[in-house]
Amino acid sequence: MPLQRLCKYPLLLKEIQKVNPPGQDEKLMQSALDEIRSVVDDVNTRVREVENLVKLMSIANQISNGGKWPIIDPMRQFFMEGEMAISGKKKYAFLFSDSLLLCEMNAKNEKTLEAFRMIPLSLAVTTDLPASDKFKHQFELVEIGKEPKLIITSSTALKKRKWLRSLESHIAQNSGPQDEAIRESVAQIKAVKPPAQTSAPPKRKKKSKSKVNQIMRTEAVQNHPSVVALRQQIAQERKMREKAEEFSEELKRLLLASESKESKQQRASDLQVRIGQLCGVVGQLSTANAGLQQKLAFYQKEFL
């Protein structure tokens, strides 16, 4: 049954309810309407899941080193993608429900990307940066416990707001109460300074250790219940990613097997068609040969 026709059934039942006489099969009509609505909702959900899985597979195929990154995950949803500049260099990003995947763009082949970093949103912190004459549409992205921080630049203010709001929304969905407490501590520690408005930002001297790492590595922070819970959550996410990677490999194997099966069936079908054509040609040759034999026999009788 076509999906478009299935989605029209609730509207049809609704119209039948309007013209149905009061008191006649009202409960039956309402029950049927509720049931078909439930079926339509379930079908739409399944369709979205399949479309999302197809999109994840497309992204994995687009990335040259996609096998190193657990992109295909049944629990992961794709939300948005686009170009952005990170520290002045052109990059490409994919935003998922649980992570942000950053990729290098291939100058020779624009359709091929190379992933270089995946940031779990449960460990991400964003900070909006004010605009200046030289540096516009920027915000900062930090992964807790890792350096360096990323200064992300969008081409327009609209794209910046879209990326920043989407990141903040999904970060909130991936964060628990303990994560929020750690985020607040990190936000107070890092004390972000905006870029200079009139002149280029001065070159910063390299530091052996950042303030964030120094504080995060202290015994008090490491033994804090929130940090311990965060470690457990990270370990659980790692196990889930390993399972997802196994699922991805199995899915790829099944797809390759199905493709090889389909290709074999196609080759067999093509061979059958070609055999049929050859049989037709052989039949025509046989008919022509029989005619020649008759003519030869006739000429033998006439002239011998």
C-alpha atoms as a PDB file:
ATOM      1  CA  MET A   1       0.000   0.000   0.000  1.00  0.00           C
ATOM      2  CA  PRO A   2       1.426   3.444  -0.903  1.00  0.00           C
ATOM      3  CA  LEU A   3       2.322   5.515   2.169  1.00  0.00           C
ATOM      4  CA  GLN A   4       0.545   8.588   0.801  1.00  0.00           C
ATOM      5  CA  ARG A   5      -2.735   6.676   0.661  1.00  0.00           C
ATOM      6  CA  LEU A   6      -2.276   5.407   4.224  1.00  0.00           C
ATOM      7  CA  CYS A   7      -1.821   8.976   5.511  1.00  0.00           C
ATOM      8  CA  LYS A   8      -5.136  10.013   3.926  1.00  0.00           C
ATOM      9  CA  TYR A   9      -7.180   7.459   5.867  1.00  0.00           C
ATOM     10  CA  PRO A  10      -7.412   9.545   9.087  1.00  0.00           C
ATOM     11  CA  LEU A  11      -8.790  12.472   7.066  1.00  0.00           C
ATOM     12  CA  LEU A  12     -11.286  10.152   5.369  1.00  0.00           C
ATOM     13  CA  LEU A  13     -12.484   8.710   8.690  1.00  0.00           C
ATOM     14  CA  LYS A  14     -12.740  12.228  10.124  1.00  0.00           C
ATOM     15  CA  GLU A  15     -15.018  13.283   7.277  1.00  0.00           C
ATOM     16  CA  ILE A  16     -17.118  10.120   7.716  1.00  0.00           C
ATOM     17  CA  GLN A  17     -17.507  11.006  11.412  1.00  0.00           C
ATOM     18  CA  LYS A  18     -18.934  14.402  10.455  1.00  0.00           C
ATOM     19  CA  VAL A  19     -21.696  12.950   8.259  1.00  0.00           C
ATOM     20  CA  ASN A  20     -22.365   9.920  10.452  1.00  0.00           C
ATOM     21  CA  PRO A  21     -25.707  10.170  12.337  1.00  0.00           C
ATOM     22  CA  PRO A  22     -25.278  10.843  16.094  1.00  0.00           C
ATOM     23  CA  GLY A  23     -25.286   7.739  18.256  1.00  0.00           C
ATOM     24  CA  GLN A  24     -24.600   5.372  15.399  1.00  0.00           C
ATOM     25  CA  ASP A  25     -21.245   3.519  15.689  1.00  0.00           C
ATOM     26  CA  GLU A  26     -19.594   6.533  17.365  1.00  0.00           C
ATOM     27  CA  LYS A  27     -17.305   4.424  19.560  1.00  0.00           C
ATOM     28  CA  LEU A  28     -16.408   2.141  16.665  1.00  0.00           C
ATOM     29  CA  MET A  29     -15.588   5.109  14.419  1.00  0.00           C
ATOM     30  CA  GLN A  30     -13.450   6.776  17.102  1.00  0.00           C
ATOM     31  CA  SER A  31     -11.642   3.513  17.820  1.00  0.00           C
ATOM     32  CA  ALA A  32     -10.902   3.059  14.126  1.00  0.00           C
ATOM     33  CA  LEU A  33      -9.674   6.662  13.867  1.00  0.00           C
ATOM     34  CA  ASP A  34      -7.367   6.266  16.882  1.00  0.00           C
ATOM     35  CA  GLU A  35      -6.025   2.986  15.531  1.00  0.00           C
ATOM     36  CA  ILE A  36      -5.244   4.361  12.051  1.00  0.00           C
ATOM     37  CA  ARG A  37      -3.606   7.444  13.586  1.00  0.00           C
ATOM     38  CA  SER A  38      -1.403   5.173  15.687  1.00  0.00           C
ATOM     39  CA  VAL A  39      -0.461   3.167  12.600  1.00  0.00           C
ATOM     40  CA  VAL A  40       0.348   6.337  10.613  1.00  0.00           C
ATOM     41  CA  ASP A  41       2.498   7.699  13.455  1.00  0.00           C
ATOM     42  CA  ASP A  42       4.374   4.401  13.695  1.00  0.00           C
ATOM     43  CA  VAL A  43       4.931   4.305   9.918  1.00  0.00           C
ATOM     44  CA  ASN A  44       6.199   7.905   9.895  1.00  0.00           C
ATOM     45  CA  THR A  45       8.574   7.091  12.750  1.00  0.00           C
ATOM     46  CA  ARG A  46       9.962   4.064  10.904  1.00  0.00           C
ATOM     47  CA  VAL A  47      10.373   6.076   7.713  1.00  0.00           C
ATOM     48  CA  ARG A  48      12.320   8.778   9.586  1.00  0.00           C
ATOM     49  CA  GLU A  49      14.546   6.124  11.181  1.00  0.00           C
ATOM     50  CA  VAL A  50      15.329   4.584   7.794  1.00  0.00           C
ATOM     51  CA  GLU A  51      15.990   8.001   6.207  1.00  0.00           C
ATOM     52  CA  ASN A  52      18.285   8.908   9.106  1.00  0.00           C
ATOM     53  CA  LEU A  53      20.208   5.616   8.772  1.00  0.00           C
ATOM     54  CA  VAL A  54      20.575   6.163   5.022  1.00  0.00           C
ATOM     55  CA  LYS A  55      21.935   9.668   5.698  1.00  0.00           C
ATOM     56  CA  LEU A  56      24.483   8.314   8.216  1.00  0.00           C
ATOM     57  CA  MET A  57      25.603   5.702   5.686  1.00  0.00           C
ATOM     58  CA  SER A  58      25.940   8.429   3.049  1.00  0.00           C
ATOM     59  CA  ILE A  59      28.128  10.504   5.390  1.00  0.00           C
ATOM     60  CA  ALA A  60      30.283   7.462   6.196  1.00  0.00           C
ATOM     61  CA  ASN A  61      30.809   6.827   2.485  1.00  0.00           C
ATOM     62  CA  GLN A  62      31.608  10.513   1.892  1.00  0.00           C
ATOM     63  CA  ILE A  63      34.458  10.468   4.425  1.00  0.00           C
ATOM     64  CA  SER A  64      37.660   8.871   3.148  1.00  0.00           C
ATOM     65  CA  ASN A  65      38.704   7.660   6.621  1.00  0.00           C
ATOM     66  CA  GLY A  66      35.170   6.923   7.777  1.00  0.00           C
ATOM     67  CA  GLY A  67      36.143   3.468   9.028  1.00  0.00           C
ATOM     68  CA  LYS A  68      38.119   5.049  11.891  1.00  0.00           C
ATOM     69  CA  TRP A  69      35.070   6.927  13.205  1.00  0.00           C
ATOM     70  CA  PRO A  70      31.878   5.320  14.598  1.00  0.00           C
ATOM     71  CA  ILE A  71      29.490   7.322  12.415  1.00  0.00           C
ATOM     72  CA  ILE A  72      26.738   4.741  11.869  1.00  0.00           C
ATOM     73  CA  ASP A  73      24.886   4.275  15.159  1.00  0.00           C
ATOM     74  CA  PRO A  74      21.210   3.208  15.444  1.00  0.00           C
ATOM     75  CA  MET A  75      20.808   5.610  18.398  1.00  0.00           C
ATOM     76  CA  ARG A  76      22.380   8.587  16.573  1.00  0.00           C
ATOM     77  CA  GLN A  77      20.388  11.178  14.648  1.00  0.00           C
ATOM     78  CA  PHE A  78      21.661  13.575  12.001  1.00  0.00           C
ATOM     79  CA  PHE A  79      20.623  17.230  12.376  1.00  0.00           C
ATOM     80  CA  MET A  80      22.683  19.599  10.231  1.00  0.00           C
ATOM     81  CA  GLU A  81      25.893  20.077   8.248  1.00  0.00           C
ATOM     82  CA  GLY A  82      27.832  22.889   6.632  1.00  0.00           C
ATOM     83  CA  GLU A  83      31.064  24.741   6.087  1.00  0.00           C
ATOM     84  CA  MET A  84      32.760  26.762   8.810  1.00  0.00           C
ATOM     85  CA  ALA A  85      36.171  28.269   9.507  1.00  0.00           C
ATOM     86  CA  ILE A  86      38.172  26.973  12.473  1.00  0.00           C
ATOM     87  CA  SER A  87      41.144  29.132  13.437  1.00  0.00           C
ATOM     88  CA  GLY A  88      40.924  30.748  10.004  1.00  0.00           C
ATOM     89  CA  LYS A  89      40.971  27.464   8.040  1.00  0.00           C
ATOM     90  CA  LYS A  90      38.027  26.164   6.017  1.00  0.00           C
ATOM     91  CA  LYS A  91      36.430  23.021   7.476  1.00  0.00           C
ATOM     92  CA  TYR A  92      33.226  21.002   7.180  1.00  0.00           C
ATOM     93  CA  ALA A  93      31.110  19.885  10.128  1.00  0.00           C
ATOM     94  CA  PHE A  94      28.303  17.392  10.801  1.00  0.00           C
ATOM     95  CA  LEU A  95      26.104  17.864  13.866  1.00  0.00           C
ATOM     96  CA  PHE A  96      24.592  14.696  15.313  1.00  0.00           C
ATOM     97  CA  SER A  97      22.389  14.184  18.348  1.00  0.00           C
ATOM     98  CA  ASP A  98      25.375  13.194  20.495  1.00  0.00           C
ATOM     99  CA  SER A  99      28.499  14.604  18.813  1.00  0.00           C
ATOM    100  CA  LEU A 100      30.044  17.104  16.403  1.00  0.00           C
ATOM    101  CA  LEU A 101      32.211  15.644  13.610  1.00  0.00           C
ATOM    102  CA  LEU A 102      34.844  17.971  12.113  1.00  0.00           C
ATOM    103  CA  CYS A 103      36.379  17.248   8.697  1.00  0.00           C
ATOM    104  CA  GLU A 104      39.095  18.530   6.410  1.00  0.00           C
ATOM    105  CA  MET A 105      37.933  19.516   2.911  1.00  0.00           C
ATOM    106  CA  ASN A 106      39.698  17.941  -0.048  1.00  0.00           C
ATOM    107  CA  ALA A 107      40.808  20.634  -2.518  1.00  0.00           C
ATOM    108  CA  LYS A 108      41.035  18.143  -5.419  1.00  0.00           C
ATOM    109  CA  ASN A 109      37.726  16.382  -4.756  1.00  0.00           C
ATOM    110  CA  GLU A 110      35.039  18.461  -3.030  1.00  0.00           C
ATOM    111  CA  LYS A 111      32.835  15.398  -2.511  1.00  0.00           C
ATOM    112  CA  THR A 112      35.461  13.672  -0.344  1.00  0.00           C
ATOM    113  CA  LEU A 113      36.140  14.675   3.263  1.00  0.00           C
ATOM    114  CA  GLU A 114      38.633  13.531   5.878  1.00  0.00           C
ATOM    115  CA  ALA A 115      37.492  13.505   9.508  1.00  0.00           C
ATOM    116  CA  PHE A 116      39.997  14.668  12.117  1.00  0.00           C
ATOM    117  CA  ARG A 117      38.000  15.151  15.322  1.00  0.00           C
ATOM    118  CA  MET A 118      34.721  14.038  16.912  1.00  0.00           C
ATOM    119  CA  ILE A 119      33.608  16.029  19.959  1.00  0.00           C
ATOM    120  CA  PRO A 120      31.084  14.394  22.345  1.00  0.00           C
ATOM    121  CA  LEU A 121      28.406  16.971  23.124  1.00  0.00           C
ATOM    122  CA  SER A 122      28.275  15.750  26.722  1.00  0.00           C
ATOM    123  CA  LEU A 123      31.783  17.246  27.137  1.00  0.00           C
ATOM    124  CA  ALA A 124      31.339  20.394  25.018  1.00  0.00           C
ATOM    125  CA  VAL A 125      31.061  24.014  26.164  1.00  0.00           C
ATOM    126  CA  THR A 126      30.171  26.909  23.828  1.00  0.00           C
ATOM    127  CA  THR A 127      30.761  30.635  24.352  1.00  0.00           C
ATOM    128  CA  ASP A 128      29.470  33.405  22.120  1.00  0.00           C
ATOM    129  CA  LEU A 129      32.151  35.933  21.112  1.00  0.00           C
ATOM    130  CA  PRO A 130      31.269  39.585  20.421  1.00  0.00           C
ATOM    131  CA  ALA A 131      31.705  40.866  16.882  1.00  0.00           C
ATOM    132  CA  SER A 132      34.433  43.343  15.935  1.00  0.00           C
ATOM    133  CA  ASP A 133      35.509  45.129  12.756  1.00  0.00           C
ATOM    134  CA  LYS A 134      37.943  42.349  11.846  1.00  0.00           C
ATOM    135  CA  PHE A 135      36.488  39.261  13.533  1.00  0.00           C
ATOM    136  CA  LYS A 136      32.763  38.672  12.982  1.00  0.00           C
ATOM    137  CA  HIS A 137      30.315  35.818  13.523  1.00  0.00           C
ATOM    138  CA  GLN A 138      32.550  33.873  15.911  1.00  0.00           C
ATOM    139  CA  PHE A 139      31.957  31.581  18.870  1.00  0.00           C
ATOM    140  CA  GLU A 140      34.185  29.337  20.949  1.00  0.00           C
ATOM    141  CA  LEU A 141      33.883  25.582  21.392  1.00  0.00           C
ATOM    142  CA  VAL A 142      35.780  23.759  24.153  1.00  0.00           C
ATOM    143  CA  GLU A 143      35.943  20.030  24.887  1.00  0.00           C
ATOM    144  CA  ILE A 144      36.387  19.554  28.632  1.00  0.00           C
ATOM    145  CA  GLY A 145      39.810  18.159  29.456  1.00  0.00           C
ATOM    146  CA  LYS A 146      41.231  18.646  25.936  1.00  0.00           C
ATOM    147  CA  GLU A 147      43.190  21.380  24.228  1.00  0.00           C
ATOM    148  CA  PRO A 148      43.184  23.485  22.138  1.00  0.00           C
ATOM    149  CA  LYS A 149      39.897  25.334  22.196  1.00  0.00           C
ATOM    150  CA  LEU A 150      38.273  25.983  18.808  1.00  0.00           C
ATOM    151  CA  ILE A 151      37.410  29.467  17.521  1.00  0.00           C
ATOM    152  CA  ILE A 152      34.655  28.862  14.961  1.00  0.00           C
ATOM    153  CA  THR A 153      33.754  31.495  12.368  1.00  0.00           C
ATOM    154  CA  SER A 154      30.579  31.412  10.268  1.00  0.00           C
ATOM    155  CA  SER A 155      30.088  33.266   7.002  1.00  0.00           C
ATOM    156  CA  THR A 156      26.965  35.115   8.208  1.00  0.00           C
ATOM    157  CA  ALA A 157      25.353  36.080  11.488  1.00  0.00           C
ATOM    158  CA  LEU A 158      22.356  33.855  10.653  1.00  0.00           C
ATOM    159  CA  LYS A 159      24.543  30.768  10.216  1.00  0.00           C
ATOM    160  CA  LYS A 160      26.373  31.568  13.447  1.00  0.00           C
ATOM    161  CA  ARG A 161      23.089  31.766  15.404  1.00  0.00           C
ATOM    162  CA  LYS A 162      21.859  28.554  13.796  1.00  0.00           C
ATOM    163  CA  TRP A 163      25.024  26.618  14.701  1.00  0.00           C
ATOM    164  CA  LEU A 164      25.287  28.109  18.187  1.00  0.00           C
ATOM    165  CA  ARG A 165      21.629  27.479  19.087  1.00  0.00           C
ATOM    166  CA  SER A 166      21.708  23.939  17.700  1.00  0.00           C
ATOM    167  CA  LEU A 167      24.892  23.124  19.610  1.00  0.00           C
ATOM    168  CA  GLU A 168      23.577  24.607  22.862  1.00  0.00           C
ATOM    169  CA  SER A 169      20.280  22.729  22.486  1.00  0.00           C
ATOM    170  CA  HIS A 170      21.910  19.339  21.897  1.00  0.00           C
ATOM    171  CA  ILE A 171      24.557  19.940  24.556  1.00  0.00           C
ATOM    172  CA  ALA A 172      21.739  20.503  27.058  1.00  0.00           C
ATOM    173  CA  GLN A 173      20.035  17.277  25.914  1.00  0.00           C
ATOM    174  CA  ASN A 174      23.255  15.288  26.389  1.00  0.00           C
ATOM    175  CA  SER A 175      24.112  16.780  29.799  1.00  0.00           C
ATOM    176  CA  GLY A 176      23.106  15.663  33.264  1.00  0.00           C
ATOM    177  CA  PRO A 177      23.174  17.707  36.500  1.00  0.00           C
ATOM    178  CA  GLN A 178      26.795  16.705  37.177  1.00  0.00           C
ATOM    179  CA  ASP A 179      27.811  17.863  33.700  1.00  0.00           C
ATOM    180  CA  GLU A 180      26.220  21.270  34.240  1.00  0.00           C
ATOM    181  CA  ALA A 181      28.158  21.735  37.482  1.00  0.00           C
ATOM    182  CA  ILE A 182      31.435  20.948  35.720  1.00  0.00           C
ATOM    183  CA  ARG A 183      30.524  23.270  32.832  1.00  0.00           C
ATOM    184  CA  GLU A 184      29.937  26.151  35.208  1.00  0.00           C
ATOM    185  CA  SER A 185      33.316  25.531  36.844  1.00  0.00           C
ATOM    186  CA  VAL A 186      35.074  25.401  33.482  1.00  0.00           C
ATOM    187  CA  ALA A 187      33.297  28.529  32.280  1.00  0.00           C
ATOM    188  CA  GLN A 188      34.568  30.403  35.344  1.00  0.00           C
ATOM    189  CA  ILE A 189      38.096  29.027  34.975  1.00  0.00           C
ATOM    190  CA  LYS A 190      38.719  29.630  31.281  1.00  0.00           C
ATOM    191  CA  ALA A 191      37.739  33.358  31.330  1.00  0.00           C
ATOM    192  CA  VAL A 192      37.467  33.800  27.572  1.00  0.00           C
ATOM    193  CA  LYS A 193      38.814  37.102  26.162  1.00  0.00           C
ATOM    194  CA  PRO A 194      37.290  38.379  22.875  1.00  0.00           C
ATOM    195  CA  PRO A 195      39.583  39.218  19.926  1.00  0.00           C
ATOM    196  CA  ALA A 196      40.895  42.773  19.602  1.00  0.00           C
ATOM    197  CA  GLN A 197      38.546  45.042  17.642  1.00  0.00           C
ATOM    198  CA  THR A 198      41.008  47.337  15.863  1.00  0.00           C
ATOM    199  CA  SER A 199      44.193  45.328  15.554  1.00  0.00           C
ATOM    200  CA  ALA A 200      45.166  41.739  15.024  1.00  0.00           C
ATOM    201  CA  PRO A 201      45.253  39.612  18.173  1.00  0.00           C
ATOM    202  CA  PRO A 202      48.734  39.431  19.732  1.00  0.00           C
ATOM    203  CA  LYS A 203      50.586  36.147  19.521  1.00  0.00           C
ATOM    204  CA  ARG A 204      50.188  34.201  22.712  1.00  0.00           C
ATOM    205  CA  LYS A 205      53.133  32.493  24.296  1.00  0.00           C
ATOM    206  CA  LYS A 206      52.821  28.753  24.544  1.00  0.00           C
ATOM    207  CA  LYS A 207      52.091  27.522  28.033  1.00  0.00           C
ATOM    208  CA  SER A 208      53.173  24.168  29.313  1.00  0.00           C
ATOM    209  CA  LYS A 209      49.798  23.587  30.991  1.00  0.00           C
ATOM    210  CA  SER A 210      46.524  25.483  30.834  1.00  0.00           C
ATOM    211  CA  LYS A 211      44.681  26.567  33.962  1.00  0.00           C
ATOM    212  CA  VAL A 212      41.866  24.208  33.087  1.00  0.00           C
ATOM    213  CA  ASN A 213      44.140  21.159  32.914  1.00  0.00           C
ATOM    214  CA  GLN A 214      45.950  22.131  36.109  1.00  0.00           C
ATOM    215  CA  ILE A 215      42.706  22.324  38.068  1.00  0.00           C
ATOM    216  CA  MET A 216      41.111  19.294  36.381  1.00  0.00           C
ATOM    217  CA  ARG A 217      44.116  17.116  37.289  1.00  0.00           C
ATOM    218  CA  THR A 218      44.105  17.931  40.998  1.00  0.00           C
ATOM    219  CA  GLU A 219      43.158  15.112  43.372  1.00  0.00           C
ATOM    220  CA  ALA A 220      40.145  17.023  44.715  1.00  0.00           C
ATOM    221  CA  VAL A 221      38.624  17.376  41.263  1.00  0.00           C
ATOM    222  CA  GLN A 222      39.501  13.835  40.132  1.00  0.00           C
ATOM    223  CA  ASN A 223      37.816  12.319  43.220  1.00  0.00           C
ATOM    224  CA  HIS A 224      34.789  14.598  43.048  1.00  0.00           C
ATOM    225  CA  PRO A 225      31.538  12.591  42.651  1.00  0.00           C
ATOM    226  CA  SER A 226      30.604  14.557  39.526  1.00  0.00           C
ATOM    227  CA  VAL A 227      33.923  13.783  37.841  1.00  0.00           C
ATOM    228  CA  VAL A 228      33.712  10.110  38.844  1.00  0.00           C
ATOM    229  CA  ALA A 229      30.190   9.937  37.407  1.00  0.00           C
ATOM    230  CA  LEU A 230      31.415  11.651  34.255  1.00  0.00           C
ATOM    231  CA  ARG A 231      34.191   9.067  33.851  1.00  0.00           C
ATOM    232  CA  GLN A 232      31.652   6.274  34.182  1.00  0.00           C
ATOM    233  CA  GLN A 233      29.433   7.943  31.599  1.00  0.00           C
ATOM    234  CA  ILE A 234      32.370   8.298  29.193  1.00  0.00           C
ATOM    235  CA  ALA A 235      33.255   4.618  29.661  1.00  0.00           C
ATOM    236  CA  GLN A 236      29.643   3.663  28.978  1.00  0.00           C
ATOM    237  CA  GLU A 237      29.570   5.828  25.852  1.00  0.00           C
ATOM    238  CA  ARG A 238      32.816   4.210  24.666  1.00  0.00           C
ATOM    239  CA  LYS A 239      31.252   0.750  25.025  1.00  0.00           C
ATOM    240  CA  MET A 240      28.164   1.918  23.142  1.00  0.00           C
ATOM    241  CA  ARG A 241      30.362   3.300  20.372  1.00  0.00           C
ATOM    242  CA  GLU A 242      32.241  -0.014  20.129  1.00  0.00           C
ATOM    243  CA  LYS A 243      28.936  -1.860  19.825  1.00  0.00           C
ATOM    244  CA  ALA A 244      27.771   0.638  17.224  1.00  0.00           C
ATOM    245  CA  GLU A 245      30.985   0.130  15.271  1.00  0.00           C
ATOM    246  CA  GLU A 246      30.436  -3.639  15.331  1.00  0.00           C
ATOM    247  CA  PHE A 247      26.873  -3.056  14.131  1.00  0.00           C
ATOM    248  CA  SER A 248      28.208  -0.777  11.376  1.00  0.00           C
ATOM    249  CA  GLU A 249      30.670  -3.399  10.151  1.00  0.00           C
ATOM    250  CA  GLU A 250      27.958  -6.064  10.171  1.00  0.00           C
ATOM    251  CA  LEU A 251      25.607  -3.741   8.284  1.00  0.00           C
ATOM    252  CA  LYS A 252      28.273  -3.002   5.674  1.00  0.00           C
ATOM    253  CA  ARG A 253      28.947  -6.730   5.292  1.00  0.00           C
ATOM    254  CA  LEU A 254      25.243  -7.445   4.788  1.00  0.00           C
ATOM    255  CA  LEU A 255      24.947  -4.604   2.281  1.00  0.00           C
ATOM    256  CA  LEU A 256      27.935  -5.896   0.323  1.00  0.00           C
ATOM    257  CA  ALA A 257      26.469  -9.402   0.416  1.00  0.00           C
ATOM    258  CA  SER A 258      23.084  -8.154  -0.815  1.00  0.00           C
ATOM    259  CA  GLU A 259      24.761  -6.089  -3.539  1.00  0.00           C
ATOM    260  CA  SER A 260      26.820  -9.077  -4.704  1.00  0.00           C
ATOM    261  CA  LYS A 261      23.678 -11.221  -4.698  1.00  0.00           C
ATOM    262  CA  GLU A 262      21.779  -8.626  -6.701  1.00  0.00           C
ATOM    263  CA  SER A 263      24.690  -8.275  -9.141  1.00  0.00           C
ATOM    264  CA  LYS A 264      24.775 -12.069  -9.596  1.00  0.00           C
ATOM    265  CA  GLN A 265      21.040 -12.096 -10.243  1.00  0.00           C
ATOM    266  CA  GLN A 266      21.426  -9.244 -12.709  1.00  0.00           C
ATOM    267  CA  ARG A 267      24.259 -11.026 -14.524  1.00  0.00           C
ATOM    268  CA  ALA A 268      22.185 -14.219 -14.663  1.00  0.00           C
ATOM    269  CA  SER A 269      19.249 -12.261 -16.076  1.00  0.00           C
ATOM    270  CA  ASP A 270      21.510 -10.604 -18.669  1.00  0.00           C
ATOM    271  CA  LEU A 271      22.936 -14.011 -19.640  1.00  0.00           C
ATOM    272  CA  GLN A 272      19.418 -15.410 -20.074  1.00  0.00           C
ATOM    273  CA  VAL A 273      18.521 -12.498 -22.343  1.00  0.00           C
ATOM    274  CA  ARG A 274      21.688 -12.974 -24.388  1.00  0.00           C
ATOM    275  CA  ILE A 275      21.083 -16.750 -24.621  1.00  0.00           C
ATOM    276  CA  GLY A 276      17.576 -16.028 -25.861  1.00  0.00           C
ATOM    277  CA  GLN A 277      18.953 -13.667 -28.491  1.00  0.00           C
ATOM    278  CA  LEU A 278      21.543 -16.244 -29.592  1.00  0.00           C
ATOM    279  CA  CYS A 279      18.830 -18.910 -29.811  1.00  0.00           C
ATOM    280  CA  GLY A 280      16.853 -16.597 -32.055  1.00  0.00           C
ATOM    281  CA  VAL A 281      19.863 -16.042 -34.294  1.00  0.00           C
ATOM    282  CA  VAL A 282      20.554 -19.795 -34.428  1.00  0.00           C
ATOM    283  CA  GLY A 283      16.920 -20.403 -35.376  1.00  0.00           C
ATOM    284  CA  GLN A 284      17.151 -17.888 -38.204  1.00  0.00           C
ATOM    285  CA  LEU A 285      20.375 -19.502 -39.429  1.00  0.00           C
ATOM    286  CA  SER A 286      18.746 -22.948 -39.286  1.00  0.00           C
ATOM    287  CA  THR A 287      15.794 -21.689 -41.353  1.00  0.00           C
ATOM    288  CA  ALA A 288      18.116 -20.104 -43.915  1.00  0.00           C
ATOM    289  CA  ASN A 289      20.213 -23.283 -44.062  1.00  0.00           C
ATOM    290  CA  ALA A 290      17.127 -25.397 -44.706  1.00  0.00           C
ATOM    291  CA  GLY A 291      16.155 -23.087 -47.587  1.00  0.00           C
ATOM    292  CA  LEU A 292      19.608 -23.343 -49.093  1.00  0.00           C
ATOM    293  CA  GLN A 293      19.504 -27.135 -48.846  1.00  0.00           C
ATOM    294  CA  GLN A 294      16.166 -27.206 -50.706  1.00  0.00           C
ATOM    295  CA  LYS A 295      17.503 -24.951 -53.450  1.00  0.00           C
ATOM    296  CA  LEU A 296      20.668 -27.060 -53.726  1.00  0.00           C
ATOM    297  CA  ALA A 297      18.624 -30.237 -54.078  1.00  0.00           C
ATOM    298  CA  PHE A 298      16.457 -28.580 -56.774  1.00  0.00           C
ATOM    299  CA  TYR A 299      19.504 -27.449 -58.756  1.00  0.00           C
ATOM    300  CA  GLN A 300      21.039 -30.930 -58.506  1.00  0.00           C
ATOM    301  CA  LYS A 301      17.902 -32.471 -60.029  1.00  0.00           C
ATOM    302  CA  GLU A 302      17.752 -29.898 -62.837  1.00  0.00           C
ATOM    303  CA  PHE A 303      21.354 -29.911 -63.948  1.00  0.00           C
ATOM    304  CA  LEU A 304      22.648 -33.411 -63.106  1.00  0.00           C
END
